[in-house]
């Protein structure tokens, strides 16, 4: 619990992970992930692609809700970091760092441009076609 971590709510209306510094504790309805590459993990999981994936494969709660178990997150088909995709991973991490910094200074800061850039980089990680990207973008409007 004293490590930096990313957390997410068990029941939610959107897939969102957030970074939590050491020494912050959570209620029982949240899950915690610690380890390496947390910034990369948070960038990918907060993307439109994972939101689309969750809407099509996670347990639905009513018309808008999702149940995001630890098991669901563990089973996400996340691309491992390799020498060939490392430059993309670094770009994602740099953008997440910018978002975290901006939100720390002003929680209402508009980071939507950086979020869109992360989405585009995530699409590259998964080698999605333009048609596949269009489907995801339409669903997440």
C-alpha atoms as a PDB file:
ATOM      1  CA  UNK A   1       0.000   0.000   0.000  1.00  0.00           C
ATOM      2  CA  UNK A   2       2.978   2.306   0.421  1.00  0.00           C
ATOM      3  CA  UNK A   3       3.934   2.023  -3.259  1.00  0.00           C
ATOM      4  CA  UNK A   4       2.769   4.200  -6.107  1.00  0.00           C
ATOM      5  CA  UNK A   5      -0.115   2.487  -7.824  1.00  0.00           C
ATOM      6  CA  UNK A   6      -2.869   2.757 -10.370  1.00  0.00           C
ATOM      7  CA  UNK A   7      -6.416   2.126  -9.232  1.00  0.00           C
ATOM      8  CA  UNK A   8      -9.841   1.659 -10.795  1.00  0.00           C
ATOM      9  CA  UNK A   9     -13.365   1.348  -9.506  1.00  0.00           C
ATOM     10  CA  UNK A  10     -15.020  -2.041  -9.473  1.00  0.00           C
ATOM     11  CA  UNK A  11     -18.300  -0.603 -10.735  1.00  0.00           C
ATOM     12  CA  UNK A  12     -18.202   2.367 -13.061  1.00  0.00           C
ATOM     13  CA  UNK A  13     -19.696   3.987 -16.134  1.00  0.00           C
ATOM     14  CA  UNK A  14     -16.334   4.432 -17.890  1.00  0.00           C
ATOM     15  CA  UNK A  15     -13.025   2.600 -17.887  1.00  0.00           C
ATOM     16  CA  UNK A  16     -10.660   4.921 -16.048  1.00  0.00           C
ATOM     17  CA  UNK A  17      -7.523   4.196 -14.092  1.00  0.00           C
ATOM     18  CA  UNK A  18      -5.868   6.849 -12.008  1.00  0.00           C
ATOM     19  CA  UNK A  19      -2.429   7.215 -10.510  1.00  0.00           C
ATOM     20  CA  UNK A  20      -2.266   7.228  -6.708  1.00  0.00           C
ATOM     21  CA  UNK A  21       0.887   8.229  -4.839  1.00  0.00           C
ATOM     22  CA  UNK A  22       2.293   6.212  -1.916  1.00  0.00           C
ATOM     23  CA  UNK A  23       0.445   6.499   1.384  1.00  0.00           C
ATOM     24  CA  UNK A  24      -3.057   6.868  -0.073  1.00  0.00           C
ATOM     25  CA  UNK A  25      -5.497   4.103   0.862  1.00  0.00           C
ATOM     26  CA  UNK A  26      -8.664   2.991  -0.919  1.00  0.00           C
ATOM     27  CA  UNK A  27     -12.106   1.764  -0.114  1.00  0.00           C
ATOM     28  CA  UNK A  28     -12.916  -1.862  -0.724  1.00  0.00           C
ATOM     29  CA  UNK A  29     -14.715  -1.169  -4.029  1.00  0.00           C
ATOM     30  CA  UNK A  30     -11.497  -0.254  -5.843  1.00  0.00           C
ATOM     31  CA  UNK A  31      -8.758  -2.403  -7.290  1.00  0.00           C
ATOM     32  CA  UNK A  32      -5.034  -1.653  -7.101  1.00  0.00           C
ATOM     33  CA  UNK A  33      -2.224  -2.457  -9.507  1.00  0.00           C
ATOM     34  CA  UNK A  34       1.444  -1.997  -8.589  1.00  0.00           C
ATOM     35  CA  UNK A  35       4.605  -2.925 -10.409  1.00  0.00           C
ATOM     36  CA  UNK A  36       6.495  -1.781 -13.456  1.00  0.00           C
ATOM     37  CA  UNK A  37       5.267   0.272 -16.394  1.00  0.00           C
ATOM     38  CA  UNK A  38       2.293   1.762 -14.523  1.00  0.00           C
ATOM     39  CA  UNK A  39       2.247   4.935 -16.634  1.00  0.00           C
ATOM     40  CA  UNK A  40       2.139   2.863 -19.840  1.00  0.00           C
ATOM     41  CA  UNK A  41      -0.566   0.640 -18.359  1.00  0.00           C
ATOM     42  CA  UNK A  42      -2.679   3.625 -17.352  1.00  0.00           C
ATOM     43  CA  UNK A  43      -2.308   5.229 -20.784  1.00  0.00           C
ATOM     44  CA  UNK A  44      -3.451   2.122 -22.632  1.00  0.00           C
ATOM     45  CA  UNK A  45      -6.287   1.227 -20.259  1.00  0.00           C
ATOM     46  CA  UNK A  46      -7.682   4.778 -20.316  1.00  0.00           C
ATOM     47  CA  UNK A  47      -7.812   4.713 -24.123  1.00  0.00           C
ATOM     48  CA  UNK A  48     -10.897   4.587 -26.318  1.00  0.00           C
ATOM     49  CA  UNK A  49      -9.846   1.144 -27.520  1.00  0.00           C
ATOM     50  CA  UNK A  50     -10.031  -0.394 -24.044  1.00  0.00           C
ATOM     51  CA  UNK A  51     -13.304   1.447 -23.365  1.00  0.00           C
ATOM     52  CA  UNK A  52     -14.718  -0.145 -26.527  1.00  0.00           C
ATOM     53  CA  UNK A  53     -13.339  -3.554 -25.538  1.00  0.00           C
ATOM     54  CA  UNK A  54     -14.837  -3.302 -22.048  1.00  0.00           C
ATOM     55  CA  UNK A  55     -18.236  -2.336 -23.441  1.00  0.00           C
ATOM     56  CA  UNK A  56     -18.177  -5.441 -25.634  1.00  0.00           C
ATOM     57  CA  UNK A  57     -16.726  -7.945 -23.160  1.00  0.00           C
ATOM     58  CA  UNK A  58     -17.042  -6.867 -19.489  1.00  0.00           C
ATOM     59  CA  UNK A  59     -20.064  -7.546 -17.323  1.00  0.00           C
ATOM     60  CA  UNK A  60     -22.708  -4.909 -18.019  1.00  0.00           C
ATOM     61  CA  UNK A  61     -24.609  -3.233 -15.191  1.00  0.00           C
ATOM     62  CA  UNK A  62     -27.779  -1.778 -16.596  1.00  0.00           C
ATOM     63  CA  UNK A  63     -27.537   0.337 -19.737  1.00  0.00           C
ATOM     64  CA  UNK A  64     -24.380   2.276 -18.816  1.00  0.00           C
ATOM     65  CA  UNK A  65     -22.578   0.529 -15.978  1.00  0.00           C
ATOM     66  CA  UNK A  66     -19.618  -1.831 -16.081  1.00  0.00           C
ATOM     67  CA  UNK A  67     -18.246  -4.315 -13.600  1.00  0.00           C
ATOM     68  CA  UNK A  68     -14.453  -4.211 -13.950  1.00  0.00           C
ATOM     69  CA  UNK A  69     -13.120  -7.065 -11.871  1.00  0.00           C
ATOM     70  CA  UNK A  70      -9.448  -7.576 -11.234  1.00  0.00           C
ATOM     71  CA  UNK A  71      -9.736 -10.659 -13.417  1.00  0.00           C
ATOM     72  CA  UNK A  72     -11.077  -8.591 -16.331  1.00  0.00           C
ATOM     73  CA  UNK A  73      -8.128  -6.173 -16.160  1.00  0.00           C
ATOM     74  CA  UNK A  74      -5.624  -9.034 -15.809  1.00  0.00           C
ATOM     75  CA  UNK A  75      -7.010 -10.643 -18.967  1.00  0.00           C
ATOM     76  CA  UNK A  76      -6.808  -7.527 -21.127  1.00  0.00           C
ATOM     77  CA  UNK A  77      -4.732  -8.337 -24.195  1.00  0.00           C
ATOM     78  CA  UNK A  78      -2.127  -5.641 -23.539  1.00  0.00           C
ATOM     79  CA  UNK A  79       0.808  -5.498 -25.936  1.00  0.00           C
ATOM     80  CA  UNK A  80       4.046  -6.350 -24.161  1.00  0.00           C
ATOM     81  CA  UNK A  81       6.768  -3.742 -24.422  1.00  0.00           C
ATOM     82  CA  UNK A  82       9.239  -4.819 -27.095  1.00  0.00           C
ATOM     83  CA  UNK A  83      12.176  -3.125 -28.807  1.00  0.00           C
ATOM     84  CA  UNK A  84       9.980  -2.507 -31.863  1.00  0.00           C
ATOM     85  CA  UNK A  85       7.142  -0.768 -29.991  1.00  0.00           C
ATOM     86  CA  UNK A  86       9.260   0.897 -27.285  1.00  0.00           C
ATOM     87  CA  UNK A  87       9.229   4.311 -29.058  1.00  0.00           C
ATOM     88  CA  UNK A  88       5.401   4.272 -29.057  1.00  0.00           C
ATOM     89  CA  UNK A  89       5.366   3.234 -25.384  1.00  0.00           C
ATOM     90  CA  UNK A  90       7.685   6.129 -24.541  1.00  0.00           C
ATOM     91  CA  UNK A  91       5.394   8.567 -26.360  1.00  0.00           C
ATOM     92  CA  UNK A  92       2.373   7.257 -24.447  1.00  0.00           C
ATOM     93  CA  UNK A  93       4.227   7.602 -21.151  1.00  0.00           C
ATOM     94  CA  UNK A  94       5.333  11.151 -21.977  1.00  0.00           C
ATOM     95  CA  UNK A  95       1.756  12.171 -22.779  1.00  0.00           C
ATOM     96  CA  UNK A  96       0.406  10.546 -19.598  1.00  0.00           C
ATOM     97  CA  UNK A  97       3.066  12.433 -17.621  1.00  0.00           C
ATOM     98  CA  UNK A  98       1.900  15.692 -19.238  1.00  0.00           C
ATOM     99  CA  UNK A  99      -1.709  14.930 -18.325  1.00  0.00           C
ATOM    100  CA  UNK A 100      -0.804  14.054 -14.730  1.00  0.00           C
ATOM    101  CA  UNK A 101       1.234  17.238 -14.380  1.00  0.00           C
ATOM    102  CA  UNK A 102      -1.497  19.426 -15.857  1.00  0.00           C
ATOM    103  CA  UNK A 103      -4.191  17.845 -13.670  1.00  0.00           C
ATOM    104  CA  UNK A 104      -2.023  18.230 -10.579  1.00  0.00           C
ATOM    105  CA  UNK A 105      -1.734  21.968 -11.247  1.00  0.00           C
ATOM    106  CA  UNK A 106      -5.391  22.333 -12.238  1.00  0.00           C
ATOM    107  CA  UNK A 107      -7.809  19.406 -11.897  1.00  0.00           C
ATOM    108  CA  UNK A 108     -10.062  21.068 -14.504  1.00  0.00           C
ATOM    109  CA  UNK A 109      -7.273  21.377 -17.107  1.00  0.00           C
ATOM    110  CA  UNK A 110      -8.295  20.417 -20.641  1.00  0.00           C
ATOM    111  CA  UNK A 111      -6.122  17.456 -21.603  1.00  0.00           C
ATOM    112  CA  UNK A 112      -8.343  16.168 -24.394  1.00  0.00           C
ATOM    113  CA  UNK A 113      -5.746  16.799 -27.124  1.00  0.00           C
ATOM    114  CA  UNK A 114      -3.169  14.658 -25.324  1.00  0.00           C
ATOM    115  CA  UNK A 115      -5.818  12.009 -24.700  1.00  0.00           C
ATOM    116  CA  UNK A 116      -6.586  11.900 -28.434  1.00  0.00           C
ATOM    117  CA  UNK A 117      -2.864  11.543 -29.165  1.00  0.00           C
ATOM    118  CA  UNK A 118      -2.669   8.596 -26.756  1.00  0.00           C
ATOM    119  CA  UNK A 119      -5.645   6.981 -28.509  1.00  0.00           C
ATOM    120  CA  UNK A 120      -3.832   7.248 -31.849  1.00  0.00           C
ATOM    121  CA  UNK A 121      -0.678   5.718 -30.371  1.00  0.00           C
ATOM    122  CA  UNK A 122      -2.684   2.863 -28.828  1.00  0.00           C
ATOM    123  CA  UNK A 123      -4.238   2.156 -32.225  1.00  0.00           C
ATOM    124  CA  UNK A 124      -0.691   1.879 -33.612  1.00  0.00           C
ATOM    125  CA  UNK A 125       0.317  -0.504 -30.818  1.00  0.00           C
ATOM    126  CA  UNK A 126      -2.486  -2.838 -31.850  1.00  0.00           C
ATOM    127  CA  UNK A 127      -1.919  -2.309 -35.594  1.00  0.00           C
ATOM    128  CA  UNK A 128      -5.550  -1.349 -36.156  1.00  0.00           C
ATOM    129  CA  UNK A 129      -6.834  -0.540 -39.622  1.00  0.00           C
ATOM    130  CA  UNK A 130      -8.608   2.717 -40.463  1.00  0.00           C
ATOM    131  CA  UNK A 131     -11.922   0.829 -40.576  1.00  0.00           C
ATOM    132  CA  UNK A 132     -11.341  -0.641 -37.096  1.00  0.00           C
ATOM    133  CA  UNK A 133     -10.401   2.789 -35.741  1.00  0.00           C
ATOM    134  CA  UNK A 134     -13.536   4.295 -37.252  1.00  0.00           C
ATOM    135  CA  UNK A 135     -15.714   1.687 -35.479  1.00  0.00           C
ATOM    136  CA  UNK A 136     -14.103   2.425 -32.117  1.00  0.00           C
ATOM    137  CA  UNK A 137     -14.327   6.188 -32.584  1.00  0.00           C
ATOM    138  CA  UNK A 138     -18.024   5.970 -33.564  1.00  0.00           C
ATOM    139  CA  UNK A 139     -18.946   3.865 -30.554  1.00  0.00           C
ATOM    140  CA  UNK A 140     -17.077   6.152 -28.141  1.00  0.00           C
ATOM    141  CA  UNK A 141     -18.675   9.436 -29.268  1.00  0.00           C
END
